[in-house]
Amino acid sequence: MIKNKKMENNYMSLYDFLGKPAGGELGQKVCGEAIRLKIKMEQREVSTKNYTGKVMTYPEAFLKEYFKR
């Protein structure tokens, strides 16, 4: 039970989850599905050589389910 609770609280960006930039189109699809399912999302500020700004983060369990399809 503790493991599941920890997993729910582990928020990841698509970059963190996929290990590469997801791109705008995929980002929009994932965000749309999270909104449809009423998944709580959070924002995180990032700064890299290629991008500076806010990114959406999602529960790891949601991302695993989404990309299992």
PDB file of N, CA and C in Angstrom:
ATOM      1  N   MET A   1       0.819  -1.190   0.000  1.00  0.00           N
ATOM      2  CA  MET A   1       0.000   0.000   0.000  1.00  0.00           C
ATOM      3  C   MET A   1       0.867   1.259   0.000  1.00  0.00           C
ATOM      4  N   ILE A   2       1.926   1.271   0.776  1.00  0.00           N
ATOM      5  CA  ILE A   2       2.819   2.427   0.807  1.00  0.00           C
ATOM      6  C   ILE A   2       3.457   2.619  -0.571  1.00  0.00           C
ATOM      7  N   LYS A   3       3.809   1.523  -1.235  1.00  0.00           N
ATOM      8  CA  LYS A   3       4.427   1.620  -2.550  1.00  0.00           C
ATOM      9  C   LYS A   3       3.489   2.328  -3.533  1.00  0.00           C
ATOM     10  N   ASN A   4       2.195   1.977  -3.519  1.00  0.00           N
ATOM     11  CA  ASN A   4       1.238   2.616  -4.411  1.00  0.00           C
ATOM     12  C   ASN A   4       1.105   4.099  -4.112  1.00  0.00           C
ATOM     13  N   LYS A   5       1.067   4.453  -2.833  1.00  0.00           N
ATOM     14  CA  LYS A   5       0.939   5.858  -2.464  1.00  0.00           C
ATOM     15  C   LYS A   5       2.165   6.636  -2.947  1.00  0.00           C
ATOM     16  N   LYS A   6       3.340   6.046  -2.787  1.00  0.00           N
ATOM     17  CA  LYS A   6       4.563   6.702  -3.251  1.00  0.00           C
ATOM     18  C   LYS A   6       4.514   6.891  -4.768  1.00  0.00           C
ATOM     19  N   MET A   7       4.033   5.887  -5.467  1.00  0.00           N
ATOM     20  CA  MET A   7       3.957   5.962  -6.915  1.00  0.00           C
ATOM     21  C   MET A   7       3.014   7.082  -7.345  1.00  0.00           C
ATOM     22  N   GLU A   8       1.898   7.249  -6.661  1.00  0.00           N
ATOM     23  CA  GLU A   8       0.944   8.298  -6.984  1.00  0.00           C
ATOM     24  C   GLU A   8       1.585   9.675  -6.851  1.00  0.00           C
ATOM     25  N   ASN A   9       2.514   9.817  -5.927  1.00  0.00           N
ATOM     26  CA  ASN A   9       3.122  11.100  -5.660  1.00  0.00           C
ATOM     27  C   ASN A   9       4.381  11.349  -6.482  1.00  0.00           C
ATOM     28  N   ASN A  10       4.791  10.394  -7.293  1.00  0.00           N
ATOM     29  CA  ASN A  10       5.992  10.546  -8.111  1.00  0.00           C
ATOM     30  C   ASN A  10       5.601  11.180  -9.443  1.00  0.00           C
ATOM     31  N   TYR A  11       5.716  12.504  -9.511  1.00  0.00           N
ATOM     32  CA  TYR A  11       5.356  13.233 -10.722  1.00  0.00           C
ATOM     33  C   TYR A  11       6.563  13.339 -11.645  1.00  0.00           C
ATOM     34  N   MET A  12       6.317  13.106 -12.941  1.00  0.00           N
ATOM     35  CA  MET A  12       7.383  13.119 -13.939  1.00  0.00           C
ATOM     36  C   MET A  12       6.941  13.907 -15.154  1.00  0.00           C
ATOM     37  N   SER A  13       7.899  14.576 -15.779  1.00  0.00           N
ATOM     38  CA  SER A  13       7.620  15.198 -17.071  1.00  0.00           C
ATOM     39  C   SER A  13       7.686  14.106 -18.139  1.00  0.00           C
ATOM     40  N   LEU A  14       7.188  14.421 -19.313  1.00  0.00           N
ATOM     41  CA  LEU A  14       7.296  13.449 -20.403  1.00  0.00           C
ATOM     42  C   LEU A  14       8.756  13.186 -20.750  1.00  0.00           C
ATOM     43  N   TYR A  15       9.584  14.227 -20.660  1.00  0.00           N
ATOM     44  CA  TYR A  15      11.016  14.053 -20.924  1.00  0.00           C
ATOM     45  C   TYR A  15      11.628  13.074 -19.918  1.00  0.00           C
ATOM     46  N   ASP A  16      11.306  13.246 -18.643  1.00  0.00           N
ATOM     47  CA  ASP A  16      11.819  12.336 -17.611  1.00  0.00           C
ATOM     48  C   ASP A  16      11.372  10.905 -17.886  1.00  0.00           C
ATOM     49  N   PHE A  17      10.110  10.748 -18.267  1.00  0.00           N
ATOM     50  CA  PHE A  17       9.545   9.412 -18.466  1.00  0.00           C
ATOM     51  C   PHE A  17      10.087   8.741 -19.725  1.00  0.00           C
ATOM     52  N   LEU A  18      10.133   9.499 -20.831  1.00  0.00           N
ATOM     53  CA  LEU A  18      10.526   8.923 -22.118  1.00  0.00           C
ATOM     54  C   LEU A  18      12.035   8.930 -22.359  1.00  0.00           C
ATOM     55  N   GLY A  19      12.739   9.824 -21.656  1.00  0.00           N
ATOM     56  CA  GLY A  19      14.173   9.934 -21.844  1.00  0.00           C
ATOM     57  C   GLY A  19      14.561  10.744 -23.072  1.00  0.00           C
ATOM     58  N   LYS A  20      13.587  11.434 -23.658  1.00  0.00           N
ATOM     59  CA  LYS A  20      13.829  12.277 -24.829  1.00  0.00           C
ATOM     60  C   LYS A  20      12.694  13.296 -24.914  1.00  0.00           C
ATOM     61  N   PRO A  21      12.880  14.376 -25.664  1.00  0.00           N
ATOM     62  CA  PRO A  21      11.800  15.353 -25.810  1.00  0.00           C
ATOM     63  C   PRO A  21      10.574  14.712 -26.457  1.00  0.00           C
ATOM     64  N   ALA A  22       9.412  15.021 -25.931  1.00  0.00           N
ATOM     65  CA  ALA A  22       8.178  14.421 -26.433  1.00  0.00           C
ATOM     66  C   ALA A  22       7.622  15.178 -27.636  1.00  0.00           C
ATOM     67  N   GLY A  23       7.866  16.483 -27.673  1.00  0.00           N
ATOM     68  CA  GLY A  23       7.297  17.292 -28.749  1.00  0.00           C
ATOM     69  C   GLY A  23       5.912  17.780 -28.387  1.00  0.00           C
ATOM     70  N   GLY A  24       5.508  18.844 -29.025  1.00  0.00           N
ATOM     71  CA  GLY A  24       4.239  19.495 -28.715  1.00  0.00           C
ATOM     72  C   GLY A  24       3.009  18.648 -28.977  1.00  0.00           C
ATOM     73  N   GLU A  25       3.010  17.913 -30.090  1.00  0.00           N
ATOM     74  CA  GLU A  25       1.829  17.121 -30.444  1.00  0.00           C
ATOM     75  C   GLU A  25       1.558  16.026 -29.409  1.00  0.00           C
ATOM     76  N   LEU A  26       2.585  15.270 -29.059  1.00  0.00           N
ATOM     77  CA  LEU A  26       2.418  14.220 -28.058  1.00  0.00           C
ATOM     78  C   LEU A  26       2.074  14.837 -26.702  1.00  0.00           C
ATOM     79  N   GLY A  27       2.724  15.936 -26.364  1.00  0.00           N
ATOM     80  CA  GLY A  27       2.427  16.616 -25.109  1.00  0.00           C
ATOM     81  C   GLY A  27       0.966  17.017 -25.006  1.00  0.00           C
ATOM     82  N   GLN A  28       0.401  17.516 -26.101  1.00  0.00           N
ATOM     83  CA  GLN A  28      -1.011  17.905 -26.130  1.00  0.00           C
ATOM     84  C   GLN A  28      -1.916  16.686 -25.942  1.00  0.00           C
ATOM     85  N   LYS A  29      -1.575  15.574 -26.566  1.00  0.00           N
ATOM     86  CA  LYS A  29      -2.385  14.358 -26.447  1.00  0.00           C
ATOM     87  C   LYS A  29      -2.383  13.836 -25.013  1.00  0.00           C
ATOM     88  N   VAL A  30      -1.203  13.789 -24.402  1.00  0.00           N
ATOM     89  CA  VAL A  30      -1.095  13.294 -23.025  1.00  0.00           C
ATOM     90  C   VAL A  30      -1.863  14.220 -22.075  1.00  0.00           C
ATOM     91  N   CYS A  31      -1.689  15.520 -22.259  1.00  0.00           N
ATOM     92  CA  CYS A  31      -2.380  16.494 -21.415  1.00  0.00           C
ATOM     93  C   CYS A  31      -3.896  16.365 -21.576  1.00  0.00           C
ATOM     94  N   GLY A  32      -4.350  16.226 -22.799  1.00  0.00           N
ATOM     95  CA  GLY A  32      -5.779  16.067 -23.058  1.00  0.00           C
ATOM     96  C   GLY A  32      -6.354  14.841 -22.383  1.00  0.00           C
ATOM     97  N   GLU A  33      -5.623  13.747 -22.426  1.00  0.00           N
ATOM     98  CA  GLU A  33      -6.091  12.513 -21.774  1.00  0.00           C
ATOM     99  C   GLU A  33      -6.101  12.674 -20.259  1.00  0.00           C
ATOM    100  N   ALA A  34      -5.092  13.347 -19.720  1.00  0.00           N
ATOM    101  CA  ALA A  34      -5.053  13.585 -18.270  1.00  0.00           C
ATOM    102  C   ALA A  34      -6.242  14.441 -17.842  1.00  0.00           C
ATOM    103  N   ILE A  35      -6.563  15.452 -18.628  1.00  0.00           N
ATOM    104  CA  ILE A  35      -7.721  16.296 -18.319  1.00  0.00           C
ATOM    105  C   ILE A  35      -9.002  15.475 -18.395  1.00  0.00           C
ATOM    106  N   ARG A  36      -9.138  14.666 -19.435  1.00  0.00           N
ATOM    107  CA  ARG A  36     -10.334  13.829 -19.616  1.00  0.00           C
ATOM    108  C   ARG A  36     -10.542  12.895 -18.426  1.00  0.00           C
ATOM    109  N   LEU A  37      -9.440  12.340 -17.922  1.00  0.00           N
ATOM    110  CA  LEU A  37      -9.514  11.396 -16.801  1.00  0.00           C
ATOM    111  C   LEU A  37      -9.446  12.087 -15.437  1.00  0.00           C
ATOM    112  N   LYS A  38      -9.365  13.423 -15.450  1.00  0.00           N
ATOM    113  CA  LYS A  38      -9.275  14.212 -14.213  1.00  0.00           C
ATOM    114  C   LYS A  38      -8.056  13.826 -13.371  1.00  0.00           C
ATOM    115  N   ILE A  39      -6.929  13.626 -14.068  1.00  0.00           N
ATOM    116  CA  ILE A  39      -5.662  13.316 -13.406  1.00  0.00           C
ATOM    117  C   ILE A  39      -5.044  14.628 -12.938  1.00  0.00           C
ATOM    118  N   LYS A  40      -4.588  14.662 -11.704  1.00  0.00           N
ATOM    119  CA  LYS A  40      -3.948  15.870 -11.182  1.00  0.00           C
ATOM    120  C   LYS A  40      -2.586  16.032 -11.841  1.00  0.00           C
ATOM    121  N   MET A  41      -2.364  17.214 -12.412  1.00  0.00           N
ATOM    122  CA  MET A  41      -1.093  17.531 -13.047  1.00  0.00           C
ATOM    123  C   MET A  41      -0.425  18.645 -12.245  1.00  0.00           C
ATOM    124  N   GLU A  42       0.878  18.732 -12.372  1.00  0.00           N
ATOM    125  CA  GLU A  42       1.630  19.817 -11.740  1.00  0.00           C
ATOM    126  C   GLU A  42       2.556  20.416 -12.780  1.00  0.00           C
ATOM    127  N   GLN A  43       3.008  21.628 -12.518  1.00  0.00           N
ATOM    128  CA  GLN A  43       3.973  22.266 -13.409  1.00  0.00           C
ATOM    129  C   GLN A  43       5.315  22.361 -12.706  1.00  0.00           C
ATOM    130  N   ARG A  44       6.365  22.309 -13.518  1.00  0.00           N
ATOM    131  CA  ARG A  44       7.712  22.457 -12.990  1.00  0.00           C
ATOM    132  C   ARG A  44       8.480  23.378 -13.927  1.00  0.00           C
ATOM    133  N   GLU A  45       9.273  24.252 -13.354  1.00  0.00           N
ATOM    134  CA  GLU A  45      10.119  25.154 -14.134  1.00  0.00           C
ATOM    135  C   GLU A  45      11.414  24.420 -14.473  1.00  0.00           C
ATOM    136  N   VAL A  46      11.809  24.449 -15.754  1.00  0.00           N
ATOM    137  CA  VAL A  46      13.057  23.810 -16.165  1.00  0.00           C
ATOM    138  C   VAL A  46      13.898  24.788 -16.979  1.00  0.00           C
ATOM    139  N   SER A  47      15.189  24.547 -16.985  1.00  0.00           N
ATOM    140  CA  SER A  47      16.100  25.355 -17.793  1.00  0.00           C
ATOM    141  C   SER A  47      17.202  24.450 -18.311  1.00  0.00           C
ATOM    142  N   THR A  48      17.184  24.214 -19.616  1.00  0.00           N
ATOM    143  CA  THR A  48      18.216  23.406 -20.266  1.00  0.00           C
ATOM    144  C   THR A  48      18.795  24.218 -21.414  1.00  0.00           C
ATOM    145  N   LYS A  49      19.750  23.651 -22.111  1.00  0.00           N
ATOM    146  CA  LYS A  49      20.327  24.384 -23.247  1.00  0.00           C
ATOM    147  C   LYS A  49      19.323  24.533 -24.385  1.00  0.00           C
ATOM    148  N   ASN A  50      18.321  23.647 -24.432  1.00  0.00           N
ATOM    149  CA  ASN A  50      17.343  23.693 -25.516  1.00  0.00           C
ATOM    150  C   ASN A  50      15.998  24.307 -25.132  1.00  0.00           C
ATOM    151  N   TYR A  51      15.701  24.381 -23.845  1.00  0.00           N
ATOM    152  CA  TYR A  51      14.382  24.866 -23.439  1.00  0.00           C
ATOM    153  C   TYR A  51      14.430  25.450 -22.035  1.00  0.00           C
ATOM    154  N   THR A  52      13.797  26.590 -21.885  1.00  0.00           N
ATOM    155  CA  THR A  52      13.609  27.190 -20.573  1.00  0.00           C
ATOM    156  C   THR A  52      12.138  27.564 -20.459  1.00  0.00           C
ATOM    157  N   GLY A  53      11.506  27.091 -19.406  1.00  0.00           N
ATOM    158  CA  GLY A  53      10.093  27.393 -19.201  1.00  0.00           C
ATOM    159  C   GLY A  53       9.436  26.346 -18.331  1.00  0.00           C
ATOM    160  N   LYS A  54       8.122  26.338 -18.368  1.00  0.00           N
ATOM    161  CA  LYS A  54       7.354  25.400 -17.553  1.00  0.00           C
ATOM    162  C   LYS A  54       7.030  24.143 -18.350  1.00  0.00           C
ATOM    163  N   VAL A  55       7.043  23.029 -17.647  1.00  0.00           N
ATOM    164  CA  VAL A  55       6.618  21.759 -18.235  1.00  0.00           C
ATOM    165  C   VAL A  55       5.573  21.147 -17.319  1.00  0.00           C
ATOM    166  N   MET A  56       4.697  20.374 -17.911  1.00  0.00           N
ATOM    167  CA  MET A  56       3.687  19.666 -17.128  1.00  0.00           C
ATOM    168  C   MET A  56       4.305  18.376 -16.594  1.00  0.00           C
ATOM    169  N   THR A  57       3.896  18.008 -15.407  1.00  0.00           N
ATOM    170  CA  THR A  57       4.308  16.720 -14.852  1.00  0.00           C
ATOM    171  C   THR A  57       3.052  15.930 -14.503  1.00  0.00           C
ATOM    172  N   TYR A  58       3.176  14.622 -14.593  1.00  0.00           N
ATOM    173  CA  TYR A  58       2.053  13.710 -14.407  1.00  0.00           C
ATOM    174  C   TYR A  58       2.468  12.604 -13.454  1.00  0.00           C
ATOM    175  N   PRO A  59       1.495  11.980 -12.771  1.00  0.00           N
ATOM    176  CA  PRO A  59       1.842  10.833 -11.929  1.00  0.00           C
ATOM    177  C   PRO A  59       2.466   9.727 -12.785  1.00  0.00           C
ATOM    178  N   GLU A  60       3.509   9.136 -12.275  1.00  0.00           N
ATOM    179  CA  GLU A  60       4.200   8.074 -13.007  1.00  0.00           C
ATOM    180  C   GLU A  60       3.245   6.949 -13.386  1.00  0.00           C
ATOM    181  N   ALA A  61       2.328   6.597 -12.496  1.00  0.00           N
ATOM    182  CA  ALA A  61       1.379   5.508 -12.778  1.00  0.00           C
ATOM    183  C   ALA A  61       0.507   5.841 -13.989  1.00  0.00           C
ATOM    184  N   PHE A  62       0.094   7.103 -14.119  1.00  0.00           N
ATOM    185  CA  PHE A  62      -0.705   7.528 -15.274  1.00  0.00           C
ATOM    186  C   PHE A  62       0.119   7.376 -16.561  1.00  0.00           C
ATOM    187  N   LEU A  63       1.366   7.826 -16.536  1.00  0.00           N
ATOM    188  CA  LEU A  63       2.204   7.738 -17.732  1.00  0.00           C
ATOM    189  C   LEU A  63       2.442   6.289 -18.133  1.00  0.00           C
ATOM    190  N   LYS A  64       2.655   5.421 -17.166  1.00  0.00           N
ATOM    191  CA  LYS A  64       2.845   3.998 -17.473  1.00  0.00           C
ATOM    192  C   LYS A  64       1.610   3.426 -18.160  1.00  0.00           C
ATOM    193  N   GLU A  65       0.424   3.765 -17.656  1.00  0.00           N
ATOM    194  CA  GLU A  65      -0.828   3.305 -18.260  1.00  0.00           C
ATOM    195  C   GLU A  65      -0.994   3.881 -19.662  1.00  0.00           C
ATOM    196  N   TYR A  66      -0.755   5.173 -19.794  1.00  0.00           N
ATOM    197  CA  TYR A  66      -0.941   5.844 -21.080  1.00  0.00           C
ATOM    198  C   TYR A  66      -0.050   5.228 -22.156  1.00  0.00           C
ATOM    199  N   PHE A  67       1.205   4.990 -21.855  1.00  0.00           N
ATOM    200  CA  PHE A  67       2.140   4.493 -22.864  1.00  0.00           C
ATOM    201  C   PHE A  67       2.126   2.976 -22.999  1.00  0.00           C
ATOM    202  N   LYS A  68       1.327   2.303 -22.191  1.00  0.00           N
ATOM    203  CA  LYS A  68       1.186   0.855 -22.317  1.00  0.00           C
ATOM    204  C   LYS A  68       0.383   0.512 -23.575  1.00  0.00           C
ATOM    205  N   ARG A  69      -0.475   1.442 -24.003  1.00  0.00           N
ATOM    206  CA  ARG A  69      -1.339   1.203 -25.181  1.00  0.00           C
ATOM    207  C   ARG A  69      -0.540   1.039 -26.450  1.00  0.00           C
TER     208      ARG A  69
END
